[in-house]
Amino acid sequence: MDLRNPNNLSYALDGWYTPEGLKELLKRDAQLAEQQLQTEPFNYGFELRYYQKEAILAAEKAIAESSRAMLIAMATGTGKTKTCIALIYRLLKVKRYRRVLFLVDRSALGEQAANAFKDTRMDSIQSFADIFGIKELDESAPESDTAVHIATVQGMV
């Protein structure tokens, strides 16, 4: 539990942090990141629909309230992948998180997501993958500079 914020909830760890891991956690300033999210515009290389923005803001609010579980449910064809890309981009850009696991239930969805990360242009002419770097399904071990790792549920087991 991070005692810098009295509202943090304690929870069991899966293992021990390395000294480098602890240093990375101490560098992260959640309150500053959440303040930056308040003013971070939705100006990307693609337009978001109003309900996509609302979903992103609701997820960010839950994160700010230290919620450890949330669900965004959207119908087929409503832009789930673009919504996730925008949310992940915002969280990484303001340094709220250093890494994100993008978990899918089928390899085909993982390949589709990887292509979307590679093809989606963000603030500049660079793609998301160019800015942050991703690891795809066939790469099992993350590297320290990898921001997004795509994996299947079966691969995690």
N, C-alpha and C. Protein backbone atom coordinates (compact mmCIF):
# COMPACT_ATOMS: atom_id res chain seq x y z
N MET A 1 0.85 -1.17 0.00
CA MET A 1 0.00 0.00 0.00
C MET A 1 0.90 1.24 0.00
N ASP A 2 0.55 2.19 -0.82
CA ASP A 2 1.30 3.44 -0.91
C ASP A 2 0.74 4.41 0.13
N LEU A 3 1.52 4.68 1.15
CA LEU A 3 1.06 5.51 2.27
C LEU A 3 1.06 7.00 1.95
N ARG A 4 1.54 7.37 0.76
CA ARG A 4 1.49 8.79 0.38
C ARG A 4 0.05 9.24 0.16
N ASN A 5 -0.83 8.30 -0.12
CA ASN A 5 -2.25 8.60 -0.31
C ASN A 5 -3.05 7.83 0.74
N PRO A 6 -3.69 8.53 1.67
CA PRO A 6 -4.41 7.83 2.75
C PRO A 6 -5.63 7.05 2.27
N ASN A 7 -6.10 7.31 1.05
CA ASN A 7 -7.28 6.60 0.54
C ASN A 7 -6.93 5.29 -0.15
N ASN A 8 -5.65 4.96 -0.29
CA ASN A 8 -5.26 3.72 -0.94
C ASN A 8 -5.73 2.52 -0.13
N LEU A 9 -6.13 1.50 -0.84
CA LEU A 9 -6.56 0.25 -0.21
C LEU A 9 -5.40 -0.73 -0.19
N SER A 10 -5.28 -1.46 0.88
CA SER A 10 -4.23 -2.47 0.92
C SER A 10 -4.73 -3.72 0.19
N TYR A 11 -3.80 -4.45 -0.39
CA TYR A 11 -4.14 -5.69 -1.06
C TYR A 11 -2.91 -6.59 -1.07
N ALA A 12 -3.17 -7.89 -1.21
CA ALA A 12 -2.09 -8.87 -1.19
C ALA A 12 -1.27 -8.76 -2.48
N LEU A 13 0.04 -8.89 -2.34
CA LEU A 13 0.94 -8.87 -3.49
C LEU A 13 1.11 -10.29 -4.02
N ASP A 14 1.32 -10.39 -5.34
CA ASP A 14 1.57 -11.70 -5.95
C ASP A 14 3.01 -12.15 -5.72
N GLY A 15 3.89 -11.20 -5.43
CA GLY A 15 5.30 -11.51 -5.23
C GLY A 15 6.00 -10.28 -4.68
N TRP A 16 7.31 -10.38 -4.57
CA TRP A 16 8.09 -9.28 -4.05
C TRP A 16 8.51 -8.35 -5.18
N TYR A 17 8.48 -7.04 -4.90
CA TYR A 17 9.00 -6.07 -5.86
C TYR A 17 10.52 -6.09 -5.84
N THR A 18 11.09 -5.86 -7.00
CA THR A 18 12.54 -5.70 -7.07
C THR A 18 12.87 -4.28 -6.63
N PRO A 19 14.11 -3.99 -6.29
CA PRO A 19 14.48 -2.61 -5.96
C PRO A 19 14.14 -1.64 -7.12
N GLU A 20 14.37 -2.09 -8.37
CA GLU A 20 14.04 -1.25 -9.52
C GLU A 20 12.54 -1.03 -9.62
N GLY A 21 11.77 -2.08 -9.34
CA GLY A 21 10.32 -1.97 -9.37
C GLY A 21 9.80 -0.98 -8.33
N LEU A 22 10.39 -1.02 -7.14
CA LEU A 22 10.00 -0.07 -6.09
C LEU A 22 10.34 1.36 -6.48
N LYS A 23 11.50 1.55 -7.09
CA LYS A 23 11.89 2.90 -7.55
C LYS A 23 10.91 3.41 -8.59
N GLU A 24 10.49 2.53 -9.50
CA GLU A 24 9.51 2.93 -10.53
C GLU A 24 8.18 3.31 -9.89
N LEU A 25 7.76 2.55 -8.89
CA LEU A 25 6.50 2.88 -8.20
C LEU A 25 6.58 4.23 -7.50
N LEU A 26 7.73 4.52 -6.90
CA LEU A 26 7.88 5.79 -6.19
C LEU A 26 7.95 6.98 -7.15
N LYS A 27 8.39 6.75 -8.37
CA LYS A 27 8.44 7.82 -9.37
C LYS A 27 7.04 8.22 -9.83
N ARG A 28 6.13 7.28 -9.75
CA ARG A 28 4.77 7.52 -10.24
C ARG A 28 4.01 8.40 -9.26
N ASP A 29 3.42 9.45 -9.77
CA ASP A 29 2.62 10.35 -8.95
C ASP A 29 1.18 10.28 -9.44
N ALA A 30 0.38 9.45 -8.80
CA ALA A 30 -0.99 9.21 -9.23
C ALA A 30 -1.83 10.48 -9.17
N GLN A 31 -1.67 11.27 -8.13
CA GLN A 31 -2.48 12.49 -8.01
C GLN A 31 -2.16 13.48 -9.13
N LEU A 32 -0.89 13.66 -9.44
CA LEU A 32 -0.51 14.54 -10.54
C LEU A 32 -1.05 14.02 -11.86
N ALA A 33 -0.95 12.72 -12.08
CA ALA A 33 -1.46 12.12 -13.31
C ALA A 33 -2.96 12.33 -13.44
N GLU A 34 -3.69 12.17 -12.34
CA GLU A 34 -5.14 12.36 -12.39
C GLU A 34 -5.51 13.81 -12.63
N GLN A 35 -4.72 14.73 -12.12
CA GLN A 35 -4.94 16.16 -12.42
C GLN A 35 -4.69 16.43 -13.90
N GLN A 36 -3.66 15.83 -14.45
CA GLN A 36 -3.35 16.02 -15.86
C GLN A 36 -4.44 15.43 -16.74
N LEU A 37 -5.03 14.31 -16.32
CA LEU A 37 -6.12 13.71 -17.09
C LEU A 37 -7.32 14.64 -17.19
N GLN A 38 -7.53 15.46 -16.15
CA GLN A 38 -8.65 16.40 -16.16
C GLN A 38 -8.54 17.41 -17.30
N THR A 39 -7.31 17.78 -17.64
CA THR A 39 -7.10 18.80 -18.67
C THR A 39 -6.62 18.20 -20.00
N GLU A 40 -6.34 16.91 -20.03
CA GLU A 40 -5.86 16.26 -21.25
C GLU A 40 -6.97 16.25 -22.30
N PRO A 41 -6.74 16.88 -23.45
CA PRO A 41 -7.80 16.92 -24.48
C PRO A 41 -7.92 15.58 -25.19
N PHE A 42 -9.00 15.41 -25.90
CA PHE A 42 -9.24 14.20 -26.68
C PHE A 42 -8.87 14.44 -28.14
N ASN A 43 -7.79 15.17 -28.37
CA ASN A 43 -7.35 15.48 -29.73
C ASN A 43 -6.40 14.40 -30.21
N TYR A 44 -6.91 13.46 -30.95
CA TYR A 44 -6.10 12.38 -31.47
C TYR A 44 -6.25 12.36 -32.98
N GLY A 45 -5.58 11.44 -33.62
CA GLY A 45 -5.67 11.32 -35.07
C GLY A 45 -6.98 10.70 -35.52
N PHE A 46 -7.89 10.48 -34.59
CA PHE A 46 -9.21 9.92 -34.90
C PHE A 46 -10.23 10.56 -33.97
N GLU A 47 -11.45 10.65 -34.43
CA GLU A 47 -12.52 11.26 -33.64
C GLU A 47 -13.19 10.21 -32.76
N LEU A 48 -13.41 10.55 -31.51
CA LEU A 48 -14.15 9.67 -30.61
C LEU A 48 -15.60 10.11 -30.55
N ARG A 49 -16.49 9.14 -30.44
CA ARG A 49 -17.91 9.44 -30.28
C ARG A 49 -18.16 9.82 -28.81
N TYR A 50 -19.27 10.48 -28.55
CA TYR A 50 -19.55 10.97 -27.19
C TYR A 50 -19.56 9.84 -26.17
N TYR A 51 -20.13 8.68 -26.52
CA TYR A 51 -20.21 7.58 -25.56
C TYR A 51 -18.84 6.94 -25.32
N GLN A 52 -17.94 7.03 -26.30
CA GLN A 52 -16.58 6.54 -26.08
C GLN A 52 -15.86 7.44 -25.08
N LYS A 53 -16.02 8.75 -25.22
CA LYS A 53 -15.43 9.69 -24.26
C LYS A 53 -16.00 9.47 -22.87
N GLU A 54 -17.31 9.26 -22.79
CA GLU A 54 -17.94 9.02 -21.49
C GLU A 54 -17.40 7.74 -20.85
N ALA A 55 -17.18 6.70 -21.64
CA ALA A 55 -16.64 5.45 -21.11
C ALA A 55 -15.22 5.66 -20.58
N ILE A 56 -14.41 6.42 -21.32
CA ILE A 56 -13.04 6.71 -20.90
C ILE A 56 -13.05 7.51 -19.60
N LEU A 57 -13.88 8.54 -19.55
CA LEU A 57 -13.94 9.36 -18.33
C LEU A 57 -14.44 8.56 -17.13
N ALA A 58 -15.39 7.65 -17.36
CA ALA A 58 -15.90 6.80 -16.26
C ALA A 58 -14.80 5.86 -15.77
N ALA A 59 -14.02 5.30 -16.68
CA ALA A 59 -12.91 4.42 -16.29
C ALA A 59 -11.86 5.21 -15.52
N GLU A 60 -11.54 6.41 -15.99
CA GLU A 60 -10.55 7.24 -15.29
C GLU A 60 -11.04 7.63 -13.90
N LYS A 61 -12.34 7.88 -13.77
CA LYS A 61 -12.90 8.21 -12.46
C LYS A 61 -12.79 7.02 -11.51
N ALA A 62 -13.08 5.83 -12.02
CA ALA A 62 -12.97 4.63 -11.18
C ALA A 62 -11.52 4.39 -10.75
N ILE A 63 -10.59 4.65 -11.65
CA ILE A 63 -9.17 4.50 -11.32
C ILE A 63 -8.80 5.51 -10.24
N ALA A 64 -9.26 6.75 -10.38
CA ALA A 64 -8.97 7.80 -9.39
C ALA A 64 -9.54 7.45 -8.02
N GLU A 65 -10.64 6.70 -8.00
CA GLU A 65 -11.26 6.29 -6.74
C GLU A 65 -10.67 4.99 -6.22
N SER A 66 -9.55 4.56 -6.78
CA SER A 66 -8.82 3.36 -6.36
C SER A 66 -9.60 2.07 -6.58
N SER A 67 -10.51 2.07 -7.54
CA SER A 67 -11.24 0.85 -7.85
C SER A 67 -10.29 -0.13 -8.52
N ARG A 68 -10.33 -1.38 -8.10
CA ARG A 68 -9.44 -2.41 -8.67
C ARG A 68 -10.14 -3.23 -9.74
N ALA A 69 -11.45 -3.03 -9.92
CA ALA A 69 -12.19 -3.77 -10.93
C ALA A 69 -13.20 -2.86 -11.59
N MET A 70 -13.24 -2.92 -12.90
CA MET A 70 -14.24 -2.16 -13.65
C MET A 70 -14.49 -2.88 -14.96
N LEU A 71 -15.61 -2.59 -15.57
CA LEU A 71 -15.98 -3.23 -16.82
C LEU A 71 -16.59 -2.18 -17.73
N ILE A 72 -16.10 -2.15 -18.96
CA ILE A 72 -16.69 -1.31 -19.99
C ILE A 72 -17.31 -2.27 -21.00
N ALA A 73 -18.61 -2.24 -21.13
CA ALA A 73 -19.31 -3.12 -22.06
C ALA A 73 -19.86 -2.28 -23.20
N MET A 74 -19.51 -2.66 -24.41
CA MET A 74 -19.98 -1.94 -25.59
C MET A 74 -20.42 -2.95 -26.64
N ALA A 75 -21.42 -2.59 -27.41
CA ALA A 75 -21.96 -3.48 -28.44
C ALA A 75 -20.98 -3.61 -29.60
N THR A 76 -21.20 -4.62 -30.41
CA THR A 76 -20.40 -4.84 -31.61
C THR A 76 -20.49 -3.62 -32.53
N GLY A 77 -19.34 -3.19 -33.02
CA GLY A 77 -19.31 -2.09 -33.98
C GLY A 77 -19.33 -0.70 -33.38
N THR A 78 -19.18 -0.60 -32.05
CA THR A 78 -19.23 0.72 -31.41
C THR A 78 -17.85 1.29 -31.12
N GLY A 79 -16.80 0.59 -31.53
CA GLY A 79 -15.46 1.12 -31.39
C GLY A 79 -14.77 0.79 -30.08
N LYS A 80 -14.90 -0.44 -29.63
CA LYS A 80 -14.27 -0.85 -28.37
C LYS A 80 -12.75 -0.71 -28.43
N THR A 81 -12.16 -1.15 -29.53
CA THR A 81 -10.70 -1.10 -29.64
C THR A 81 -10.20 0.33 -29.64
N LYS A 82 -10.83 1.21 -30.39
CA LYS A 82 -10.43 2.62 -30.42
C LYS A 82 -10.61 3.26 -29.04
N THR A 83 -11.68 2.89 -28.35
CA THR A 83 -11.90 3.41 -27.01
C THR A 83 -10.77 2.97 -26.08
N CYS A 84 -10.41 1.70 -26.15
CA CYS A 84 -9.31 1.19 -25.31
C CYS A 84 -7.99 1.84 -25.67
N ILE A 85 -7.74 2.02 -26.96
CA ILE A 85 -6.49 2.65 -27.38
C ILE A 85 -6.41 4.06 -26.83
N ALA A 86 -7.50 4.82 -26.93
CA ALA A 86 -7.51 6.19 -26.41
C ALA A 86 -7.32 6.20 -24.90
N LEU A 87 -8.00 5.30 -24.18
CA LEU A 87 -7.87 5.23 -22.73
C LEU A 87 -6.44 4.88 -22.33
N ILE A 88 -5.88 3.85 -22.95
CA ILE A 88 -4.52 3.44 -22.63
C ILE A 88 -3.53 4.55 -22.95
N TYR A 89 -3.73 5.21 -24.09
CA TYR A 89 -2.84 6.31 -24.48
C TYR A 89 -2.86 7.42 -23.43
N ARG A 90 -4.05 7.78 -22.97
CA ARG A 90 -4.17 8.84 -21.96
C ARG A 90 -3.46 8.44 -20.67
N LEU A 91 -3.67 7.21 -20.21
CA LEU A 91 -3.07 6.75 -18.96
C LEU A 91 -1.55 6.67 -19.04
N LEU A 92 -1.04 6.25 -20.19
CA LEU A 92 0.41 6.18 -20.37
C LEU A 92 1.02 7.57 -20.56
N LYS A 93 0.31 8.43 -21.29
CA LYS A 93 0.84 9.76 -21.59
C LYS A 93 1.06 10.59 -20.33
N VAL A 94 0.11 10.52 -19.40
CA VAL A 94 0.25 11.29 -18.15
C VAL A 94 1.01 10.51 -17.09
N LYS A 95 1.51 9.34 -17.46
CA LYS A 95 2.32 8.48 -16.58
C LYS A 95 1.55 7.98 -15.36
N ARG A 96 0.25 7.75 -15.55
CA ARG A 96 -0.55 7.15 -14.47
C ARG A 96 -0.13 5.70 -14.28
N TYR A 97 0.16 5.04 -15.40
CA TYR A 97 0.70 3.68 -15.38
C TYR A 97 1.89 3.63 -16.32
N ARG A 98 2.75 2.67 -16.08
CA ARG A 98 3.93 2.50 -16.92
C ARG A 98 3.72 1.40 -17.95
N ARG A 99 2.87 0.42 -17.60
CA ARG A 99 2.61 -0.71 -18.48
C ARG A 99 1.15 -1.09 -18.42
N VAL A 100 0.69 -1.69 -19.53
CA VAL A 100 -0.70 -2.15 -19.62
C VAL A 100 -0.71 -3.53 -20.26
N LEU A 101 -1.48 -4.43 -19.68
CA LEU A 101 -1.71 -5.74 -20.28
C LEU A 101 -3.03 -5.67 -21.03
N PHE A 102 -2.99 -5.92 -22.33
CA PHE A 102 -4.19 -5.94 -23.17
C PHE A 102 -4.54 -7.40 -23.37
N LEU A 103 -5.53 -7.87 -22.63
CA LEU A 103 -5.86 -9.29 -22.58
C LEU A 103 -7.03 -9.61 -23.50
N VAL A 104 -6.88 -10.62 -24.35
CA VAL A 104 -7.93 -11.04 -25.28
C VAL A 104 -8.22 -12.51 -25.06
N ASP A 105 -9.37 -12.96 -25.58
CA ASP A 105 -9.70 -14.37 -25.37
C ASP A 105 -9.40 -15.25 -26.58
N ARG A 106 -9.03 -14.66 -27.71
CA ARG A 106 -8.68 -15.43 -28.90
C ARG A 106 -7.50 -14.79 -29.60
N SER A 107 -6.67 -15.60 -30.23
CA SER A 107 -5.50 -15.09 -30.94
C SER A 107 -5.88 -14.11 -32.04
N ALA A 108 -6.98 -14.39 -32.72
CA ALA A 108 -7.41 -13.50 -33.80
C ALA A 108 -7.68 -12.09 -33.27
N LEU A 109 -8.26 -11.99 -32.08
CA LEU A 109 -8.52 -10.67 -31.48
C LEU A 109 -7.23 -9.99 -31.08
N GLY A 110 -6.24 -10.77 -30.65
CA GLY A 110 -4.94 -10.21 -30.30
C GLY A 110 -4.24 -9.64 -31.52
N GLU A 111 -4.30 -10.37 -32.64
CA GLU A 111 -3.70 -9.88 -33.89
C GLU A 111 -4.42 -8.62 -34.37
N GLN A 112 -5.74 -8.63 -34.26
CA GLN A 112 -6.54 -7.47 -34.65
C GLN A 112 -6.18 -6.26 -33.78
N ALA A 113 -6.03 -6.46 -32.49
CA ALA A 113 -5.67 -5.37 -31.58
C ALA A 113 -4.27 -4.86 -31.89
N ALA A 114 -3.32 -5.77 -32.13
CA ALA A 114 -1.95 -5.36 -32.45
C ALA A 114 -1.93 -4.50 -33.71
N ASN A 115 -2.69 -4.91 -34.72
CA ASN A 115 -2.77 -4.11 -35.95
C ASN A 115 -3.38 -2.74 -35.68
N ALA A 116 -4.38 -2.69 -34.81
CA ALA A 116 -5.00 -1.40 -34.48
C ALA A 116 -4.01 -0.49 -33.76
N PHE A 117 -3.21 -1.04 -32.83
CA PHE A 117 -2.20 -0.24 -32.14
C PHE A 117 -1.15 0.28 -33.13
N LYS A 118 -0.81 -0.55 -34.12
CA LYS A 118 0.19 -0.15 -35.12
C LYS A 118 -0.35 0.87 -36.11
N ASP A 119 -1.63 0.77 -36.43
CA ASP A 119 -2.22 1.62 -37.46
C ASP A 119 -2.80 2.92 -36.94
N THR A 120 -3.11 2.98 -35.66
CA THR A 120 -3.77 4.16 -35.10
C THR A 120 -2.78 5.29 -34.89
N ARG A 121 -3.01 6.40 -35.58
CA ARG A 121 -2.17 7.59 -35.45
C ARG A 121 -2.70 8.41 -34.28
N MET A 122 -1.77 8.90 -33.47
CA MET A 122 -2.18 9.63 -32.27
C MET A 122 -1.95 11.13 -32.45
N ASP A 123 -1.37 11.81 -31.47
CA ASP A 123 -1.18 13.26 -31.50
C ASP A 123 -0.42 13.75 -32.72
N SER A 124 0.54 12.98 -33.16
CA SER A 124 1.34 13.38 -34.31
C SER A 124 1.13 12.35 -35.41
N ILE A 125 2.05 12.28 -36.31
CA ILE A 125 1.93 11.30 -37.38
C ILE A 125 2.37 9.91 -36.95
N GLN A 126 2.88 9.81 -35.73
CA GLN A 126 3.33 8.52 -35.22
C GLN A 126 2.14 7.67 -34.78
N SER A 127 2.31 6.36 -34.93
CA SER A 127 1.28 5.45 -34.45
C SER A 127 1.48 5.21 -32.95
N PHE A 128 0.47 4.65 -32.32
CA PHE A 128 0.55 4.32 -30.89
C PHE A 128 1.76 3.43 -30.65
N ALA A 129 1.94 2.41 -31.50
CA ALA A 129 3.05 1.45 -31.33
C ALA A 129 4.40 2.14 -31.46
N ASP A 130 4.49 3.17 -32.32
CA ASP A 130 5.74 3.90 -32.46
C ASP A 130 6.05 4.72 -31.21
N ILE A 131 5.03 5.27 -30.59
CA ILE A 131 5.22 6.14 -29.43
C ILE A 131 5.57 5.32 -28.18
N PHE A 132 4.80 4.27 -27.92
CA PHE A 132 4.95 3.54 -26.67
C PHE A 132 5.54 2.14 -26.82
N GLY A 133 5.42 1.53 -27.94
CA GLY A 133 5.93 0.18 -28.12
C GLY A 133 4.97 -0.86 -27.59
N ILE A 134 4.80 -1.92 -28.35
CA ILE A 134 3.91 -3.01 -27.93
C ILE A 134 4.63 -4.34 -28.11
N LYS A 135 4.20 -5.31 -27.36
CA LYS A 135 4.64 -6.69 -27.51
C LYS A 135 3.40 -7.49 -27.93
N GLU A 136 3.57 -8.27 -28.97
CA GLU A 136 2.44 -9.01 -29.51
C GLU A 136 2.34 -10.41 -28.92
N LEU A 137 1.36 -11.17 -29.40
CA LEU A 137 1.06 -12.48 -28.85
C LEU A 137 2.24 -13.44 -28.87
N ASP A 138 3.06 -13.38 -29.91
CA ASP A 138 4.16 -14.34 -30.04
C ASP A 138 5.37 -13.99 -29.17
N GLU A 139 5.31 -12.89 -28.47
CA GLU A 139 6.41 -12.46 -27.60
C GLU A 139 5.96 -12.61 -26.15
N SER A 140 6.48 -13.64 -25.49
CA SER A 140 5.96 -13.96 -24.15
C SER A 140 6.59 -13.15 -23.04
N ALA A 141 7.83 -12.71 -23.20
CA ALA A 141 8.50 -12.00 -22.11
C ALA A 141 8.51 -10.50 -22.38
N PRO A 142 7.94 -9.71 -21.48
CA PRO A 142 7.97 -8.25 -21.67
C PRO A 142 9.36 -7.69 -21.43
N GLU A 143 9.63 -6.57 -22.05
CA GLU A 143 10.89 -5.86 -21.81
C GLU A 143 10.58 -4.63 -20.97
N SER A 144 11.59 -4.07 -20.35
CA SER A 144 11.36 -2.95 -19.43
C SER A 144 10.79 -1.72 -20.13
N ASP A 145 11.05 -1.56 -21.42
CA ASP A 145 10.53 -0.38 -22.12
C ASP A 145 9.21 -0.64 -22.83
N THR A 146 8.67 -1.84 -22.72
CA THR A 146 7.40 -2.17 -23.35
C THR A 146 6.26 -1.55 -22.55
N ALA A 147 5.42 -0.77 -23.23
CA ALA A 147 4.30 -0.13 -22.54
C ALA A 147 3.03 -0.98 -22.59
N VAL A 148 2.80 -1.67 -23.70
CA VAL A 148 1.60 -2.49 -23.86
C VAL A 148 2.00 -3.88 -24.28
N HIS A 149 1.51 -4.86 -23.55
CA HIS A 149 1.76 -6.26 -23.91
C HIS A 149 0.41 -6.90 -24.20
N ILE A 150 0.27 -7.45 -25.39
CA ILE A 150 -0.96 -8.13 -25.80
C ILE A 150 -0.79 -9.61 -25.52
N ALA A 151 -1.77 -10.22 -24.86
CA ALA A 151 -1.70 -11.64 -24.53
C ALA A 151 -3.09 -12.24 -24.53
N THR A 152 -3.15 -13.56 -24.71
CA THR A 152 -4.42 -14.25 -24.59
C THR A 152 -4.58 -14.75 -23.16
N VAL A 153 -5.81 -15.02 -22.79
CA VAL A 153 -6.08 -15.58 -21.47
C VAL A 153 -5.36 -16.91 -21.34
N GLN A 154 -5.40 -17.73 -22.39
CA GLN A 154 -4.74 -19.03 -22.37
C GLN A 154 -3.24 -18.88 -22.22
N GLY A 155 -2.66 -17.88 -22.86
CA GLY A 155 -1.23 -17.64 -22.76
C GLY A 155 -0.82 -17.21 -21.35
N MET A 156 -1.70 -16.54 -20.65
CA MET A 156 -1.40 -16.12 -19.28
C MET A 156 -1.42 -17.29 -18.32
N VAL A 157 -2.27 -18.28 -18.62
CA VAL A 157 -2.37 -19.46 -17.76
C VAL A 157 -1.12 -20.28 -17.92
